[in-house]
Amino acid sequence: MSVELVVTALLAGAAASTSNTTTAAVDAYAALTTEIRRVLRRREEDFVVDAEVAEDVHVPEQRADLTATLTATGAGDDPEVLIRARDLLVVLGYRSMLEIAD
């Protein structure tokens, strides 16, 4: 479930970044992507996580690819990534998603 939380946060953050969003949301999304890049670099992955990841958050293949990559790199088990994912979801108002994950 942890990797799903991270994926949900990434996709929600990417979707929010394409609209008028608060500075707090932009900052929280940037913090999450920074932590994910750290994990990916540690694992020597070339995958780049950014707003382009979620051009269309409704494309199941895109979510599946992102989930597989993050699972393979252990991003769903990294405490800092999880903290940043939760922070972003709180800023975006996804508190119900956090209750399900806990």
Protein backbone atom coordinates (compact mmCIF):
# COMPACT_ATOMS: atom_id res chain seq x y z
CA MET A 1 0.00 0.00 0.00
CA SER A 2 2.88 2.37 0.64
CA VAL A 3 3.90 2.58 -2.99
CA GLU A 4 0.27 3.24 -3.93
CA LEU A 5 0.26 6.15 -1.49
CA VAL A 6 3.38 7.56 -3.17
CA VAL A 7 1.95 7.07 -6.66
CA THR A 8 -1.32 8.71 -5.67
CA ALA A 9 0.55 11.67 -4.20
CA LEU A 10 2.72 12.03 -7.31
CA LEU A 11 -0.20 11.93 -9.69
CA ALA A 12 -2.29 14.27 -7.55
CA GLY A 13 0.63 16.67 -7.26
CA ALA A 14 1.33 16.57 -10.98
CA ALA A 15 -2.33 17.19 -11.76
CA ALA A 16 -2.46 20.06 -9.28
CA SER A 17 0.67 21.61 -10.73
CA THR A 18 -1.10 22.09 -14.06
CA SER A 19 -3.80 24.26 -12.49
CA ASN A 20 -3.86 27.20 -10.14
CA THR A 21 -2.46 25.76 -6.96
CA THR A 22 -1.05 27.09 -3.73
CA THR A 23 2.61 27.66 -3.04
CA ALA A 24 2.36 25.05 -0.29
CA ALA A 25 1.20 22.44 -2.80
CA VAL A 26 3.94 23.33 -5.27
CA ASP A 27 6.54 23.15 -2.49
CA ALA A 28 5.19 19.84 -1.17
CA TYR A 29 5.22 18.34 -4.68
CA ALA A 30 8.78 19.54 -5.24
CA ALA A 31 9.85 18.03 -1.91
CA LEU A 32 8.30 14.68 -2.86
CA THR A 33 9.90 14.56 -6.29
CA THR A 34 13.27 15.52 -4.75
CA GLU A 35 13.05 12.59 -2.33
CA ILE A 36 12.03 10.22 -5.11
CA ARG A 37 14.93 11.36 -7.25
CA ARG A 38 17.23 10.68 -4.29
CA VAL A 39 15.91 7.12 -4.03
CA LEU A 40 16.14 6.58 -7.78
CA ARG A 41 19.71 7.90 -7.90
CA ARG A 42 20.65 5.65 -4.99
CA ARG A 43 19.29 2.73 -6.97
CA GLU A 44 21.00 3.98 -10.15
CA GLU A 45 17.78 4.39 -12.08
CA ASP A 46 17.42 6.75 -15.01
CA PHE A 47 13.72 7.31 -14.46
CA VAL A 48 12.80 10.96 -13.97
CA VAL A 49 9.75 11.83 -11.92
CA ASP A 50 8.22 15.16 -12.77
CA ALA A 51 4.98 16.70 -13.95
CA GLU A 52 5.37 14.93 -17.30
CA VAL A 53 4.87 11.64 -15.47
CA ALA A 54 1.20 12.42 -15.13
CA GLU A 55 0.19 14.19 -18.31
CA ASP A 56 -3.05 12.26 -18.03
CA VAL A 57 -3.62 10.83 -14.55
CA HIS A 58 -6.40 8.64 -15.91
CA VAL A 59 -4.14 6.47 -18.09
CA PRO A 60 -3.93 3.10 -16.30
CA GLU A 61 -0.73 2.07 -18.09
CA GLN A 62 1.01 5.20 -16.88
CA ARG A 63 0.03 4.49 -13.28
CA ALA A 64 1.11 0.86 -13.66
CA ASP A 65 4.52 1.83 -15.07
CA LEU A 66 5.09 4.38 -12.32
CA THR A 67 4.02 1.90 -9.65
CA ALA A 68 6.35 -0.77 -11.03
CA THR A 69 9.31 1.61 -11.14
CA LEU A 70 8.75 2.90 -7.62
CA THR A 71 8.23 -0.62 -6.29
CA ALA A 72 11.45 -1.82 -7.91
CA THR A 73 13.42 1.03 -6.37
CA GLY A 74 11.92 0.68 -2.90
CA ALA A 75 10.46 4.20 -2.90
CA GLY A 76 7.34 2.95 -1.13
CA ASP A 77 9.46 1.80 1.81
CA ASP A 78 11.59 4.93 2.14
CA PRO A 79 10.55 6.88 5.26
CA GLU A 80 11.36 10.32 3.78
CA VAL A 81 9.43 9.58 0.59
CA LEU A 82 6.43 8.48 2.63
CA ILE A 83 6.57 11.60 4.81
CA ARG A 84 6.69 13.84 1.73
CA ALA A 85 3.85 11.89 0.05
CA ARG A 86 1.68 12.26 3.13
CA ASP A 87 2.53 15.97 3.43
CA LEU A 88 1.52 16.57 -0.18
CA LEU A 89 -1.75 14.68 0.20
CA VAL A 90 -2.60 16.72 3.31
CA VAL A 91 -1.88 20.00 1.49
CA LEU A 92 -4.03 18.88 -1.44
CA GLY A 93 -6.88 17.85 0.85
CA TYR A 94 -6.66 14.08 0.41
CA ARG A 95 -7.00 13.29 4.11
CA SER A 96 -9.40 10.41 3.43
CA MET A 97 -6.68 8.68 1.38
CA LEU A 98 -4.37 8.86 4.39
CA GLU A 99 -6.97 7.29 6.67
CA ILE A 100 -7.26 4.33 4.29
CA ALA A 101 -3.46 3.95 4.13
CA ASP A 102 -3.05 3.96 7.92
